[in-house]
Amino acid sequence: MTRPAQKMVFGLGNPGPEYEGTRHNVGFEVLDRLALHEGLLFESPRSLPGYSRSSPFLWARSHDPSALLVKPTTFMNRSGEVASSLLAWAGIDPADLFVVYDDLDLPLGNLRLRPFGSSGGHRGVSSIIESLSTDRFPRLRIGIGRPTTDAARHVLSRFTERERAEIDVSTAEAVDAILFWLRTGDIEGCMTRFHSRWNPTRPGG
């Protein structure tokens, strides 16, 4: 089988119109913006050449750089089913899987890159770690603001108009970071470049 891509990017979220625009779906938003930037369209698994399994997801194919962009359409806590199935089919190592998702422990709009690590309690990432039997894959967390009420209600709420403007800036920055990683494969260099860009040193600081 011809290898369908060298890398894979997963954006995490929940399927269905009732979840569109919610804080928990920021991973989907980043992939939508990335696809728009690259002129790509998401398609169903039935249109993925050579793929014959039943895991539900939407995908888009980038040729330069070579990558599959994937939005699992299981619910968040079953994201790992899609990840393990697709990585095994494509022959892609977990180190070449990049996961983008929301983080309620980060202030709104803040971005953090990590080369590997625990799920931090995020159910979608926990599912991926469990399915792959490893946490050795890079990921990008996007802050959705700390909850003032119940955390479950918070992640399923929508951004205010002011918050939306800030999140739109963050998703654009996230796309830049993902493209850098796709083109170089250098997660450490990506962290060095973008963490300093996202957190510039203040004069006199």
C-alpha atoms as a PDB file:
ATOM      1  CA  MET A   1       0.000   0.000   0.000  1.00  0.00           C
ATOM      2  CA  THR A   2       1.253   3.454  -0.850  1.00  0.00           C
ATOM      3  CA  ARG A   3       1.611   5.405   2.354  1.00  0.00           C
ATOM      4  CA  PRO A   4      -1.269   7.925   2.341  1.00  0.00           C
ATOM      5  CA  ALA A   5       0.546  10.571   4.387  1.00  0.00           C
ATOM      6  CA  GLN A   6       3.664  11.115   6.463  1.00  0.00           C
ATOM      7  CA  LYS A   7       1.911  12.846   9.356  1.00  0.00           C
ATOM      8  CA  MET A   8      -1.533  13.191  10.867  1.00  0.00           C
ATOM      9  CA  VAL A   9      -3.207  16.097  12.675  1.00  0.00           C
ATOM     10  CA  PHE A  10      -6.180  15.426  14.954  1.00  0.00           C
ATOM     11  CA  GLY A  11      -8.516  18.181  16.079  1.00  0.00           C
ATOM     12  CA  LEU A  12     -10.749  17.106  18.944  1.00  0.00           C
ATOM     13  CA  GLY A  13     -14.410  17.988  19.408  1.00  0.00           C
ATOM     14  CA  ASN A  14     -17.943  16.628  19.557  1.00  0.00           C
ATOM     15  CA  PRO A  15     -20.084  16.003  16.443  1.00  0.00           C
ATOM     16  CA  GLY A  16     -23.377  17.690  15.642  1.00  0.00           C
ATOM     17  CA  PRO A  17     -24.696  21.244  15.229  1.00  0.00           C
ATOM     18  CA  GLU A  18     -25.541  21.537  18.919  1.00  0.00           C
ATOM     19  CA  TYR A  19     -21.810  21.492  19.713  1.00  0.00           C
ATOM     20  CA  GLU A  20     -20.625  23.879  16.993  1.00  0.00           C
ATOM     21  CA  GLY A  21     -18.891  26.926  18.431  1.00  0.00           C
ATOM     22  CA  THR A  22     -18.612  25.486  21.934  1.00  0.00           C
ATOM     23  CA  ARG A  23     -15.395  25.698  23.922  1.00  0.00           C
ATOM     24  CA  HIS A  24     -14.891  21.932  23.762  1.00  0.00           C
ATOM     25  CA  ASN A  25     -14.794  22.103  19.935  1.00  0.00           C
ATOM     26  CA  VAL A  26     -11.836  24.454  19.552  1.00  0.00           C
ATOM     27  CA  GLY A  27      -9.798  21.561  18.137  1.00  0.00           C
ATOM     28  CA  PHE A  28     -12.312  21.220  15.303  1.00  0.00           C
ATOM     29  CA  GLU A  29     -12.157  24.982  14.695  1.00  0.00           C
ATOM     30  CA  VAL A  30      -8.376  24.904  14.322  1.00  0.00           C
ATOM     31  CA  LEU A  31      -8.573  22.123  11.729  1.00  0.00           C
ATOM     32  CA  ASP A  32     -11.330  23.943   9.856  1.00  0.00           C
ATOM     33  CA  ARG A  33      -9.131  27.018   9.729  1.00  0.00           C
ATOM     34  CA  LEU A  34      -6.112  24.971   8.657  1.00  0.00           C
ATOM     35  CA  ALA A  35      -8.109  23.342   5.862  1.00  0.00           C
ATOM     36  CA  LEU A  36      -9.372  26.744   4.713  1.00  0.00           C
ATOM     37  CA  HIS A  37      -5.807  28.107   4.734  1.00  0.00           C
ATOM     38  CA  GLU A  38      -4.612  25.197   2.580  1.00  0.00           C
ATOM     39  CA  GLY A  39      -7.672  25.130   0.291  1.00  0.00           C
ATOM     40  CA  LEU A  40      -8.810  21.692   1.470  1.00  0.00           C
ATOM     41  CA  LEU A  41     -12.270  20.188   2.003  1.00  0.00           C
ATOM     42  CA  PHE A  42     -13.229  17.600   4.604  1.00  0.00           C
ATOM     43  CA  GLU A  43     -14.751  14.361   3.330  1.00  0.00           C
ATOM     44  CA  SER A  44     -16.281  11.196   4.798  1.00  0.00           C
ATOM     45  CA  PRO A  45     -14.255   7.981   5.411  1.00  0.00           C
ATOM     46  CA  ARG A  46     -15.951   6.397   2.382  1.00  0.00           C
ATOM     47  CA  SER A  47     -13.937   8.674   0.110  1.00  0.00           C
ATOM     48  CA  LEU A  48     -10.557   7.854   1.692  1.00  0.00           C
ATOM     49  CA  PRO A  49      -8.764   5.597  -0.831  1.00  0.00           C
ATOM     50  CA  GLY A  50      -8.057   2.143   0.536  1.00  0.00           C
ATOM     51  CA  TYR A  51      -9.685   2.685   3.919  1.00  0.00           C
ATOM     52  CA  SER A  52     -12.248  -0.025   4.674  1.00  0.00           C
ATOM     53  CA  ARG A  53     -12.847   0.322   8.405  1.00  0.00           C
ATOM     54  CA  SER A  54     -15.892   1.748  10.138  1.00  0.00           C
ATOM     55  CA  SER A  55     -14.443   4.397  12.476  1.00  0.00           C
ATOM     56  CA  PRO A  56     -16.366   7.669  12.024  1.00  0.00           C
ATOM     57  CA  PHE A  57     -14.379  10.774  11.123  1.00  0.00           C
ATOM     58  CA  LEU A  58     -13.957  13.534   8.577  1.00  0.00           C
ATOM     59  CA  TRP A  59     -10.660  13.886   6.748  1.00  0.00           C
ATOM     60  CA  ALA A  60      -8.793  16.186   4.397  1.00  0.00           C
ATOM     61  CA  ARG A  61      -5.555  15.416   2.548  1.00  0.00           C
ATOM     62  CA  SER A  62      -2.651  17.824   2.312  1.00  0.00           C
ATOM     63  CA  HIS A  63       0.077  16.988  -0.210  1.00  0.00           C
ATOM     64  CA  ASP A  64       2.535  19.795   0.584  1.00  0.00           C
ATOM     65  CA  PRO A  65       3.225  19.143   3.382  1.00  0.00           C
ATOM     66  CA  SER A  66       2.076  15.516   3.278  1.00  0.00           C
ATOM     67  CA  ALA A  67      -0.530  15.022   5.990  1.00  0.00           C
ATOM     68  CA  LEU A  68      -4.015  13.823   6.845  1.00  0.00           C
ATOM     69  CA  LEU A  69      -6.182  16.247   8.803  1.00  0.00           C
ATOM     70  CA  VAL A  70      -8.734  14.360  10.871  1.00  0.00           C
ATOM     71  CA  LYS A  71     -11.799  15.326  12.891  1.00  0.00           C
ATOM     72  CA  PRO A  72     -13.125  12.274  14.773  1.00  0.00           C
ATOM     73  CA  THR A  73     -16.927  12.255  14.739  1.00  0.00           C
ATOM     74  CA  THR A  74     -17.203   9.911  17.661  1.00  0.00           C
ATOM     75  CA  PHE A  75     -17.832  11.752  20.875  1.00  0.00           C
ATOM     76  CA  MET A  76     -14.801  13.148  22.660  1.00  0.00           C
ATOM     77  CA  ASN A  77     -14.203  10.219  24.999  1.00  0.00           C
ATOM     78  CA  ARG A  78     -13.960   7.789  22.040  1.00  0.00           C
ATOM     79  CA  SER A  79     -11.434   9.767  19.986  1.00  0.00           C
ATOM     80  CA  GLY A  80      -8.805   7.086  20.504  1.00  0.00           C
ATOM     81  CA  GLU A  81     -10.771   4.558  18.450  1.00  0.00           C
ATOM     82  CA  VAL A  82     -10.269   6.697  15.367  1.00  0.00           C
ATOM     83  CA  ALA A  83      -6.645   7.519  16.167  1.00  0.00           C
ATOM     84  CA  SER A  84      -5.542   3.911  16.624  1.00  0.00           C
ATOM     85  CA  SER A  85      -7.433   2.698  13.566  1.00  0.00           C
ATOM     86  CA  LEU A  86      -6.103   5.388  11.239  1.00  0.00           C
ATOM     87  CA  LEU A  87      -2.500   5.285  12.458  1.00  0.00           C
ATOM     88  CA  ALA A  88      -2.369   1.500  12.080  1.00  0.00           C
ATOM     89  CA  TRP A  89      -3.893   1.688   8.600  1.00  0.00           C
ATOM     90  CA  ALA A  90      -1.582   4.475   7.431  1.00  0.00           C
ATOM     91  CA  GLY A  91       1.559   3.085   9.074  1.00  0.00           C
ATOM     92  CA  ILE A  92       2.137   6.332  10.959  1.00  0.00           C
ATOM     93  CA  ASP A  93       4.014   6.342  14.242  1.00  0.00           C
ATOM     94  CA  PRO A  94       2.369   8.090  17.237  1.00  0.00           C
ATOM     95  CA  ALA A  95       5.268  10.566  17.242  1.00  0.00           C
ATOM     96  CA  ASP A  96       3.914  11.803  13.889  1.00  0.00           C
ATOM     97  CA  LEU A  97       0.429  12.396  15.288  1.00  0.00           C
ATOM     98  CA  PHE A  98      -0.285  15.989  16.361  1.00  0.00           C
ATOM     99  CA  VAL A  99      -3.368  16.506  18.565  1.00  0.00           C
ATOM    100  CA  VAL A 100      -5.109  19.875  19.024  1.00  0.00           C
ATOM    101  CA  TYR A 101      -7.617  20.378  21.814  1.00  0.00           C
ATOM    102  CA  ASP A 102      -9.138  22.698  24.405  1.00  0.00           C
ATOM    103  CA  ASP A 103      -7.803  23.185  27.943  1.00  0.00           C
ATOM    104  CA  LEU A 104      -9.885  24.762  30.679  1.00  0.00           C
ATOM    105  CA  ASP A 105      -6.838  25.048  32.944  1.00  0.00           C
ATOM    106  CA  LEU A 106      -5.253  27.584  30.573  1.00  0.00           C
ATOM    107  CA  PRO A 107      -6.414  31.210  30.444  1.00  0.00           C
ATOM    108  CA  LEU A 108      -8.581  32.067  27.463  1.00  0.00           C
ATOM    109  CA  GLY A 109      -6.646  32.082  24.208  1.00  0.00           C
ATOM    110  CA  ASN A 110      -3.332  30.903  25.677  1.00  0.00           C
ATOM    111  CA  LEU A 111      -1.521  28.220  23.682  1.00  0.00           C
ATOM    112  CA  ARG A 112       0.893  25.562  24.905  1.00  0.00           C
ATOM    113  CA  LEU A 113       2.841  22.970  22.925  1.00  0.00           C
ATOM    114  CA  ARG A 114       4.115  19.716  24.436  1.00  0.00           C
ATOM    115  CA  PRO A 115       6.041  16.842  22.819  1.00  0.00           C
ATOM    116  CA  PHE A 116       4.296  14.243  25.027  1.00  0.00           C
ATOM    117  CA  GLY A 117       2.754  13.847  28.474  1.00  0.00           C
ATOM    118  CA  SER A 118      -0.356  12.988  30.418  1.00  0.00           C
ATOM    119  CA  SER A 119      -3.890  13.894  29.377  1.00  0.00           C
ATOM    120  CA  GLY A 120      -4.314  16.445  32.154  1.00  0.00           C
ATOM    121  CA  GLY A 121      -7.812  15.047  32.616  1.00  0.00           C
ATOM    122  CA  HIS A 122      -8.948  15.731  29.043  1.00  0.00           C
ATOM    123  CA  ARG A 123     -11.148  12.802  28.052  1.00  0.00           C
ATOM    124  CA  GLY A 124     -10.330  12.940  24.354  1.00  0.00           C
ATOM    125  CA  VAL A 125      -6.599  12.826  25.001  1.00  0.00           C
ATOM    126  CA  SER A 126      -7.070  10.121  27.638  1.00  0.00           C
ATOM    127  CA  SER A 127      -8.876   8.032  25.028  1.00  0.00           C
ATOM    128  CA  ILE A 128      -6.032   8.470  22.533  1.00  0.00           C
ATOM    129  CA  ILE A 129      -3.362   7.583  25.094  1.00  0.00           C
ATOM    130  CA  GLU A 130      -5.285   4.471  26.119  1.00  0.00           C
ATOM    131  CA  SER A 131      -5.912   3.343  22.527  1.00  0.00           C
ATOM    132  CA  LEU A 132      -2.312   3.894  21.409  1.00  0.00           C
ATOM    133  CA  SER A 133      -0.786   2.627  24.682  1.00  0.00           C
ATOM    134  CA  THR A 134       1.536   5.630  24.666  1.00  0.00           C
ATOM    135  CA  ASP A 135       1.521   9.332  25.482  1.00  0.00           C
ATOM    136  CA  ARG A 136       4.466  10.016  23.153  1.00  0.00           C
ATOM    137  CA  PHE A 137       2.745  12.239  20.632  1.00  0.00           C
ATOM    138  CA  PRO A 138       2.916  16.039  20.305  1.00  0.00           C
ATOM    139  CA  ARG A 139      -0.070  18.165  21.187  1.00  0.00           C
ATOM    140  CA  LEU A 140      -1.254  21.762  21.239  1.00  0.00           C
ATOM    141  CA  ARG A 141      -3.575  22.975  23.992  1.00  0.00           C
ATOM    142  CA  ILE A 142      -5.762  26.044  23.561  1.00  0.00           C
ATOM    143  CA  GLY A 143      -7.024  27.809  26.661  1.00  0.00           C
ATOM    144  CA  ILE A 144     -10.787  28.153  26.880  1.00  0.00           C
ATOM    145  CA  GLY A 145     -10.850  29.991  30.191  1.00  0.00           C
ATOM    146  CA  ARG A 146     -11.305  28.677  33.688  1.00  0.00           C
ATOM    147  CA  PRO A 147     -14.872  27.839  34.690  1.00  0.00           C
ATOM    148  CA  THR A 148     -16.743  29.983  37.178  1.00  0.00           C
ATOM    149  CA  THR A 149     -19.431  27.299  37.498  1.00  0.00           C
ATOM    150  CA  ASP A 150     -19.579  23.591  36.687  1.00  0.00           C
ATOM    151  CA  ALA A 151     -16.711  22.473  34.423  1.00  0.00           C
ATOM    152  CA  ALA A 152     -18.939  20.207  32.307  1.00  0.00           C
ATOM    153  CA  ARG A 153     -21.300  23.093  31.584  1.00  0.00           C
ATOM    154  CA  HIS A 154     -18.379  25.428  30.911  1.00  0.00           C
ATOM    155  CA  VAL A 155     -16.768  23.325  28.179  1.00  0.00           C
ATOM    156  CA  LEU A 156     -20.101  22.996  26.370  1.00  0.00           C
ATOM    157  CA  SER A 157     -20.856  26.714  26.530  1.00  0.00           C
ATOM    158  CA  ARG A 158     -20.158  29.157  23.700  1.00  0.00           C
ATOM    159  CA  PHE A 159     -17.738  32.050  23.701  1.00  0.00           C
ATOM    160  CA  THR A 160     -18.946  35.561  24.312  1.00  0.00           C
ATOM    161  CA  GLU A 161     -18.425  38.105  21.544  1.00  0.00           C
ATOM    162  CA  ARG A 162     -15.311  39.444  23.258  1.00  0.00           C
ATOM    163  CA  GLU A 163     -13.963  35.949  23.844  1.00  0.00           C
ATOM    164  CA  ARG A 164     -14.660  34.947  20.253  1.00  0.00           C
ATOM    165  CA  ALA A 165     -12.361  37.700  18.937  1.00  0.00           C
ATOM    166  CA  GLU A 166      -9.553  36.409  21.153  1.00  0.00           C
ATOM    167  CA  ILE A 167     -10.109  32.769  20.205  1.00  0.00           C
ATOM    168  CA  ASP A 168     -10.050  33.653  16.505  1.00  0.00           C
ATOM    169  CA  VAL A 169      -6.554  35.118  16.971  1.00  0.00           C
ATOM    170  CA  SER A 170      -5.468  32.000  18.865  1.00  0.00           C
ATOM    171  CA  THR A 171      -6.751  29.594  16.232  1.00  0.00           C
ATOM    172  CA  ALA A 172      -4.835  31.512  13.563  1.00  0.00           C
ATOM    173  CA  GLU A 173      -1.650  31.244  15.659  1.00  0.00           C
ATOM    174  CA  ALA A 174      -2.336  27.538  16.138  1.00  0.00           C
ATOM    175  CA  VAL A 175      -2.505  27.024  12.374  1.00  0.00           C
ATOM    176  CA  ASP A 176       0.902  28.683  11.962  1.00  0.00           C
ATOM    177  CA  ALA A 177       2.404  26.368  14.586  1.00  0.00           C
ATOM    178  CA  ILE A 178       0.893  23.231  13.037  1.00  0.00           C
ATOM    179  CA  LEU A 179       2.153  24.157   9.580  1.00  0.00           C
ATOM    180  CA  PHE A 180       5.648  24.687  10.984  1.00  0.00           C
ATOM    181  CA  TRP A 181       5.552  21.234  12.592  1.00  0.00           C
ATOM    182  CA  LEU A 182       4.159  19.604   9.448  1.00  0.00           C
ATOM    183  CA  ARG A 183       6.913  21.096   7.323  1.00  0.00           C
ATOM    184  CA  THR A 184       9.811  20.415   9.711  1.00  0.00           C
ATOM    185  CA  GLY A 185       8.718  17.605  12.047  1.00  0.00           C
ATOM    186  CA  ASP A 186      10.634  19.511  14.730  1.00  0.00           C
ATOM    187  CA  ILE A 187       8.400  19.808  17.788  1.00  0.00           C
ATOM    188  CA  GLU A 188      11.198  21.196  19.967  1.00  0.00           C
ATOM    189  CA  GLY A 189      11.966  23.873  17.380  1.00  0.00           C
ATOM    190  CA  CYS A 190       8.254  24.573  17.093  1.00  0.00           C
ATOM    191  CA  MET A 191       8.048  25.078  20.862  1.00  0.00           C
ATOM    192  CA  THR A 192      11.063  27.371  20.868  1.00  0.00           C
ATOM    193  CA  ARG A 193       9.737  29.466  18.016  1.00  0.00           C
ATOM    194  CA  PHE A 194       6.124  29.768  19.027  1.00  0.00           C
ATOM    195  CA  HIS A 195       6.286  29.885  22.812  1.00  0.00           C
ATOM    196  CA  SER A 196       8.534  32.932  22.559  1.00  0.00           C
ATOM    197  CA  ARG A 197       6.222  34.440  19.954  1.00  0.00           C
ATOM    198  CA  TRP A 198       3.162  33.816  22.113  1.00  0.00           C
ATOM    199  CA  ASN A 199       4.881  35.077  25.270  1.00  0.00           C
ATOM    200  CA  PRO A 200       7.131  37.985  24.212  1.00  0.00           C
ATOM    201  CA  THR A 201       9.473  39.424  26.826  1.00  0.00           C
ATOM    202  CA  ARG A 202       8.121  42.701  28.112  1.00  0.00           C
ATOM    203  CA  PRO A 203      10.447  45.716  28.085  1.00  0.00           C
ATOM    204  CA  GLY A 204      12.062  46.009  31.475  1.00  0.00           C
ATOM    205  CA  GLY A 205      10.664  42.578  32.469  1.00  0.00           C
END
